[in-house]
């Protein structure tokens, strides 16, 4: 979690962009809010505010630490190279 513009935020990631977009839509996030940045280790993600985090977890999101995210991203890149 990090602070930006007076709010706390976190990233929403998934195993695939399709899964991520579907999950985000279920939370009421707009597709236009999807961020895809080549320079970021998590190229495709949504930023969600702290107040939406509990809803995401209740819907099935799993809270993870940075070590888990790194493992997840390596596995995802390997699947994409395929």
C-alpha atoms as a PDB file:
ATOM      1  CA  UNK A   1       0.000   0.000   0.000  1.00  0.00           C
ATOM      2  CA  UNK A   2       1.186   3.505  -0.720  1.00  0.00           C
ATOM      3  CA  UNK A   3      -0.197   6.978  -0.242  1.00  0.00           C
ATOM      4  CA  UNK A   4      -1.109   9.168  -3.191  1.00  0.00           C
ATOM      5  CA  UNK A   5      -3.285  12.255  -3.172  1.00  0.00           C
ATOM      6  CA  UNK A   6      -4.340  11.696   0.419  1.00  0.00           C
ATOM      7  CA  UNK A   7      -5.501   8.092  -0.051  1.00  0.00           C
ATOM      8  CA  UNK A   8      -3.926   4.679   0.381  1.00  0.00           C
ATOM      9  CA  UNK A   9      -3.730   2.472  -2.723  1.00  0.00           C
ATOM     10  CA  UNK A  10      -2.708  -1.040  -3.740  1.00  0.00           C
ATOM     11  CA  UNK A  11      -2.349  -2.995  -6.979  1.00  0.00           C
ATOM     12  CA  UNK A  12      -4.842  -5.503  -8.309  1.00  0.00           C
ATOM     13  CA  UNK A  13      -3.147  -8.254 -10.357  1.00  0.00           C
ATOM     14  CA  UNK A  14      -4.301 -11.557 -11.839  1.00  0.00           C
ATOM     15  CA  UNK A  15      -2.970 -14.570 -13.713  1.00  0.00           C
ATOM     16  CA  UNK A  16      -4.192 -13.166 -17.029  1.00  0.00           C
ATOM     17  CA  UNK A  17      -5.454  -9.848 -18.339  1.00  0.00           C
ATOM     18  CA  UNK A  18      -8.826 -11.459 -19.123  1.00  0.00           C
ATOM     19  CA  UNK A  19      -9.210 -12.623 -15.522  1.00  0.00           C
ATOM     20  CA  UNK A  20      -8.044  -9.235 -14.240  1.00  0.00           C
ATOM     21  CA  UNK A  21     -10.534  -7.274 -16.383  1.00  0.00           C
ATOM     22  CA  UNK A  22     -13.421  -9.530 -15.384  1.00  0.00           C
ATOM     23  CA  UNK A  23     -12.581  -9.272 -11.688  1.00  0.00           C
ATOM     24  CA  UNK A  24     -12.109  -5.498 -11.900  1.00  0.00           C
ATOM     25  CA  UNK A  25     -15.449  -5.111 -13.691  1.00  0.00           C
ATOM     26  CA  UNK A  26     -17.087  -7.052 -10.866  1.00  0.00           C
ATOM     27  CA  UNK A  27     -15.696  -4.466  -8.459  1.00  0.00           C
ATOM     28  CA  UNK A  28     -17.086  -1.641 -10.579  1.00  0.00           C
ATOM     29  CA  UNK A  29     -13.742  -0.536 -11.997  1.00  0.00           C
ATOM     30  CA  UNK A  30     -13.733   1.000 -15.465  1.00  0.00           C
ATOM     31  CA  UNK A  31     -11.645  -0.679 -18.169  1.00  0.00           C
ATOM     32  CA  UNK A  32     -10.096   2.736 -18.861  1.00  0.00           C
ATOM     33  CA  UNK A  33      -8.452   2.570 -15.422  1.00  0.00           C
ATOM     34  CA  UNK A  34      -6.346  -0.432 -16.450  1.00  0.00           C
ATOM     35  CA  UNK A  35      -2.671   0.478 -16.415  1.00  0.00           C
ATOM     36  CA  UNK A  36      -0.207  -1.172 -18.713  1.00  0.00           C
ATOM     37  CA  UNK A  37       3.314   0.122 -18.322  1.00  0.00           C
ATOM     38  CA  UNK A  38       6.309  -1.511 -19.931  1.00  0.00           C
ATOM     39  CA  UNK A  39       8.678  -0.104 -17.294  1.00  0.00           C
ATOM     40  CA  UNK A  40       6.728  -1.555 -14.356  1.00  0.00           C
ATOM     41  CA  UNK A  41       7.394  -5.124 -13.217  1.00  0.00           C
ATOM     42  CA  UNK A  42       3.606  -5.641 -13.067  1.00  0.00           C
ATOM     43  CA  UNK A  43       2.889  -4.489 -16.597  1.00  0.00           C
ATOM     44  CA  UNK A  44      -0.898  -4.841 -16.404  1.00  0.00           C
ATOM     45  CA  UNK A  45      -2.745  -3.871 -13.239  1.00  0.00           C
ATOM     46  CA  UNK A  46      -5.417  -1.725 -11.665  1.00  0.00           C
ATOM     47  CA  UNK A  47      -4.765   0.604  -8.751  1.00  0.00           C
ATOM     48  CA  UNK A  48      -7.473   0.284  -6.136  1.00  0.00           C
ATOM     49  CA  UNK A  49      -8.053   2.524  -3.122  1.00  0.00           C
ATOM     50  CA  UNK A  50      -7.875   1.156   0.403  1.00  0.00           C
ATOM     51  CA  UNK A  51     -11.648   1.407   0.843  1.00  0.00           C
ATOM     52  CA  UNK A  52     -12.182  -1.015  -2.085  1.00  0.00           C
ATOM     53  CA  UNK A  53      -9.579  -3.509  -0.886  1.00  0.00           C
ATOM     54  CA  UNK A  54     -11.956  -5.275   1.540  1.00  0.00           C
ATOM     55  CA  UNK A  55     -14.527  -5.669  -1.266  1.00  0.00           C
ATOM     56  CA  UNK A  56     -11.829  -7.170  -3.509  1.00  0.00           C
ATOM     57  CA  UNK A  57     -10.825  -9.668  -0.818  1.00  0.00           C
ATOM     58  CA  UNK A  58     -14.463 -10.549  -0.148  1.00  0.00           C
ATOM     59  CA  UNK A  59     -14.858 -11.212  -3.893  1.00  0.00           C
ATOM     60  CA  UNK A  60     -11.919 -13.621  -3.875  1.00  0.00           C
ATOM     61  CA  UNK A  61      -8.760 -11.520  -4.167  1.00  0.00           C
ATOM     62  CA  UNK A  62      -5.857 -12.799  -2.117  1.00  0.00           C
ATOM     63  CA  UNK A  63      -3.653 -10.363  -0.215  1.00  0.00           C
ATOM     64  CA  UNK A  64       0.005 -11.101  -0.887  1.00  0.00           C
ATOM     65  CA  UNK A  65       3.411  -9.658  -0.096  1.00  0.00           C
ATOM     66  CA  UNK A  66       6.010  -8.459  -2.599  1.00  0.00           C
ATOM     67  CA  UNK A  67       7.849 -11.790  -2.585  1.00  0.00           C
ATOM     68  CA  UNK A  68       4.669 -13.585  -3.688  1.00  0.00           C
ATOM     69  CA  UNK A  69       4.064 -10.953  -6.376  1.00  0.00           C
ATOM     70  CA  UNK A  70       7.585 -11.463  -7.747  1.00  0.00           C
ATOM     71  CA  UNK A  71       7.042 -15.242  -7.930  1.00  0.00           C
ATOM     72  CA  UNK A  72       3.662 -14.700  -9.588  1.00  0.00           C
ATOM     73  CA  UNK A  73       5.125 -12.346 -12.188  1.00  0.00           C
ATOM     74  CA  UNK A  74       7.979 -14.696 -13.083  1.00  0.00           C
ATOM     75  CA  UNK A  75       5.502 -17.541 -13.587  1.00  0.00           C
ATOM     76  CA  UNK A  76       3.192 -15.367 -15.667  1.00  0.00           C
ATOM     77  CA  UNK A  77       6.058 -14.220 -17.920  1.00  0.00           C
ATOM     78  CA  UNK A  78       7.150 -17.849 -18.387  1.00  0.00           C
ATOM     79  CA  UNK A  79       3.599 -18.851 -19.411  1.00  0.00           C
ATOM     80  CA  UNK A  80       3.416 -15.960 -21.878  1.00  0.00           C
ATOM     81  CA  UNK A  81       6.744 -16.977 -23.475  1.00  0.00           C
ATOM     82  CA  UNK A  82       5.369 -20.372 -23.656  1.00  0.00           C
END
